Every structure is written in C-alpha cells, then in structure tokens.
Amino acid sequence: MKVASTEIKNRLAKYLDASFTEPVTIERSGREVAVLVSAKEFKRLKEIEMKYKDELIINGDEDRIKTLRGLMNESHITDKDIEDIKEIWK
C-alpha cells in the first residue's frame, strides 16, 4: 500500500491499523520516503538481520552485508529467502 505523507498525517490511526497486515509505503512529492510496518514485523526483521549480520561480518564480505540490509528493508522476506541467498553465495 502506498500513501502520501499528508494522508498519513490526516489518518494516522487508519494506517497504523493497516500496517498490521501489510507494509504502508509513505510517499512525499511522489518519492518513497518511509515504510510503516507493525512492531511485530519490525522485530522479526531485526532478528533476521542480527542472525545473519554477525555471520556475514565474520566472513568479511561487506557487499553481502549491504545487500542483506537492503533485503531487510523489504517486509516480505522470510527465513527461507535468506537461506536460499546464503546457498547462492557459497
């Protein structure tokens, strides 16, 4: 779901509720500037990031870390997706 920042300002409660079921992309002047996700989804993403971040740092591959962080910004990523990516990078 994409929404203008003025719409968020005017109807925040509506979009907070919507964020429980899907990410809400906030746009300003036609540009994506933020994504609103539920606290539960944010926690899940942070846990995935932390799980794999240390492993990638140990391997010394900064490009992989940057790629992983980009993926973590997407709210539809799963543990299986990360495992598949790790297999490709081996």
C-alpha atoms as a PDB file:
ATOM      1  CA  MET A   1       0.000   0.000   0.000  1.00  0.00           C
ATOM      2  CA  LYS A   2       1.342   3.431  -0.941  1.00  0.00           C
ATOM      3  CA  VAL A   3       0.115   6.613   0.696  1.00  0.00           C
ATOM      4  CA  ALA A   4       1.042  10.303   0.593  1.00  0.00           C
ATOM      5  CA  SER A   5       2.572  11.801   3.725  1.00  0.00           C
ATOM      6  CA  THR A   6      -0.332  14.256   4.042  1.00  0.00           C
ATOM      7  CA  GLU A   7      -2.754  11.335   4.039  1.00  0.00           C
ATOM      8  CA  ILE A   8      -0.744   9.679   6.837  1.00  0.00           C
ATOM      9  CA  LYS A   9      -0.855  12.914   8.807  1.00  0.00           C
ATOM     10  CA  ASN A  10      -4.631  13.149   8.430  1.00  0.00           C
ATOM     11  CA  ARG A  11      -5.451   9.476   9.050  1.00  0.00           C
ATOM     12  CA  LEU A  12      -2.604   8.007  11.061  1.00  0.00           C
ATOM     13  CA  ALA A  13      -4.764   5.572  13.066  1.00  0.00           C
ATOM     14  CA  LYS A  14      -6.133   4.035   9.867  1.00  0.00           C
ATOM     15  CA  TYR A  15      -2.643   3.381   8.503  1.00  0.00           C
ATOM     16  CA  LEU A  16      -1.293   2.137  11.819  1.00  0.00           C
ATOM     17  CA  ASP A  17      -4.063  -0.475  11.723  1.00  0.00           C
ATOM     18  CA  ALA A  18      -3.265  -1.285   8.083  1.00  0.00           C
ATOM     19  CA  SER A  19       0.395  -1.843   8.966  1.00  0.00           C
ATOM     20  CA  PHE A  20      -0.610  -4.899  11.000  1.00  0.00           C
ATOM     21  CA  THR A  21      -1.466  -6.720   7.777  1.00  0.00           C
ATOM     22  CA  GLU A  22       0.821  -5.116   5.187  1.00  0.00           C
ATOM     23  CA  PRO A  23       3.594  -2.544   4.890  1.00  0.00           C
ATOM     24  CA  VAL A  24       2.435   1.010   4.250  1.00  0.00           C
ATOM     25  CA  THR A  25       4.824   2.912   1.981  1.00  0.00           C
ATOM     26  CA  ILE A  26       4.778   6.637   2.649  1.00  0.00           C
ATOM     27  CA  GLU A  27       5.456   8.981  -0.242  1.00  0.00           C
ATOM     28  CA  ARG A  28       6.383  12.654  -0.249  1.00  0.00           C
ATOM     29  CA  SER A  29       6.345  14.544  -3.535  1.00  0.00           C
ATOM     30  CA  GLY A  30       5.972  11.248  -5.374  1.00  0.00           C
ATOM     31  CA  ARG A  31       9.064   9.680  -3.752  1.00  0.00           C
ATOM     32  CA  GLU A  32       9.038   6.789  -1.325  1.00  0.00           C
ATOM     33  CA  VAL A  33      10.443   8.133   1.949  1.00  0.00           C
ATOM     34  CA  ALA A  34       9.441   5.595   4.603  1.00  0.00           C
ATOM     35  CA  VAL A  35       7.675   2.320   5.241  1.00  0.00           C
ATOM     36  CA  LEU A  36       5.327   1.785   8.153  1.00  0.00           C
ATOM     37  CA  VAL A  37       5.307  -1.782   9.482  1.00  0.00           C
ATOM     38  CA  SER A  38       3.934  -3.286  12.653  1.00  0.00           C
ATOM     39  CA  ALA A  39       6.204  -3.557  15.683  1.00  0.00           C
ATOM     40  CA  LYS A  40       5.954  -7.345  15.398  1.00  0.00           C
ATOM     41  CA  GLU A  41       7.156  -7.286  11.781  1.00  0.00           C
ATOM     42  CA  PHE A  42       9.954  -4.836  12.594  1.00  0.00           C
ATOM     43  CA  LYS A  43      11.134  -7.087  15.432  1.00  0.00           C
ATOM     44  CA  ARG A  44      11.053 -10.118  13.113  1.00  0.00           C
ATOM     45  CA  LEU A  45      13.148  -8.303  10.522  1.00  0.00           C
ATOM     46  CA  LYS A  46      15.671  -7.117  13.116  1.00  0.00           C
ATOM     47  CA  GLU A  47      16.014 -10.665  14.440  1.00  0.00           C
ATOM     48  CA  ILE A  48      16.713 -11.969  10.937  1.00  0.00           C
ATOM     49  CA  GLU A  49      19.215  -9.187  10.347  1.00  0.00           C
ATOM     50  CA  MET A  50      21.055  -9.878  13.597  1.00  0.00           C
ATOM     51  CA  LYS A  51      21.045 -13.628  12.969  1.00  0.00           C
ATOM     52  CA  TYR A  52      22.890 -13.263   9.681  1.00  0.00           C
ATOM     53  CA  LYS A  53      24.772 -10.000  10.175  1.00  0.00           C
ATOM     54  CA  ASP A  54      27.371 -11.481  12.523  1.00  0.00           C
ATOM     55  CA  GLU A  55      27.953 -14.421  10.223  1.00  0.00           C
ATOM     56  CA  LEU A  56      28.482 -12.137   7.238  1.00  0.00           C
ATOM     57  CA  ILE A  57      30.843  -9.861   9.164  1.00  0.00           C
ATOM     58  CA  ILE A  58      32.904 -12.862  10.249  1.00  0.00           C
ATOM     59  CA  ASN A  59      33.176 -13.861   6.600  1.00  0.00           C
ATOM     60  CA  GLY A  60      34.381 -10.328   5.848  1.00  0.00           C
ATOM     61  CA  ASP A  61      32.031  -9.688   2.926  1.00  0.00           C
ATOM     62  CA  GLU A  62      30.790  -6.091   3.194  1.00  0.00           C
ATOM     63  CA  ASP A  63      28.920  -6.261  -0.143  1.00  0.00           C
ATOM     64  CA  ARG A  64      26.824  -9.128   1.156  1.00  0.00           C
ATOM     65  CA  ILE A  65      26.015  -7.162   4.298  1.00  0.00           C
ATOM     66  CA  LYS A  66      24.841  -4.180   2.240  1.00  0.00           C
ATOM     67  CA  THR A  67      22.710  -6.471   0.090  1.00  0.00           C
ATOM     68  CA  LEU A  68      21.231  -8.147   3.159  1.00  0.00           C
ATOM     69  CA  ARG A  69      20.393  -4.798   4.752  1.00  0.00           C
ATOM     70  CA  GLY A  70      18.600  -3.798   1.572  1.00  0.00           C
ATOM     71  CA  LEU A  71      16.599  -7.005   1.698  1.00  0.00           C
ATOM     72  CA  MET A  72      15.758  -6.459   5.330  1.00  0.00           C
ATOM     73  CA  ASN A  73      14.044  -3.220   4.366  1.00  0.00           C
ATOM     74  CA  GLU A  74      11.515  -5.284   2.473  1.00  0.00           C
ATOM     75  CA  SER A  75       8.878  -6.615   4.821  1.00  0.00           C
ATOM     76  CA  HIS A  76       8.052  -9.736   2.856  1.00  0.00           C
ATOM     77  CA  ILE A  77      11.355 -11.515   3.364  1.00  0.00           C
ATOM     78  CA  THR A  78      11.342 -14.935   5.024  1.00  0.00           C
ATOM     79  CA  ASP A  79      13.949 -17.093   6.707  1.00  0.00           C
ATOM     80  CA  LYS A  80      13.793 -19.391   3.679  1.00  0.00           C
ATOM     81  CA  ASP A  81      14.649 -16.479   1.398  1.00  0.00           C
ATOM     82  CA  ILE A  82      17.759 -15.783   3.480  1.00  0.00           C
ATOM     83  CA  GLU A  83      18.747 -19.448   3.429  1.00  0.00           C
ATOM     84  CA  ASP A  84      18.366 -19.511  -0.371  1.00  0.00           C
ATOM     85  CA  ILE A  85      20.545 -16.421  -0.702  1.00  0.00           C
ATOM     86  CA  LYS A  86      23.197 -17.932   1.541  1.00  0.00           C
ATOM     87  CA  GLU A  87      23.274 -21.033  -0.689  1.00  0.00           C
ATOM     88  CA  ILE A  88      23.787 -18.913  -3.801  1.00  0.00           C
ATOM     89  CA  TRP A  89      26.662 -17.019  -2.159  1.00  0.00           C
ATOM     90  CA  LYS A  90      28.570 -20.149  -1.151  1.00  0.00           C
END
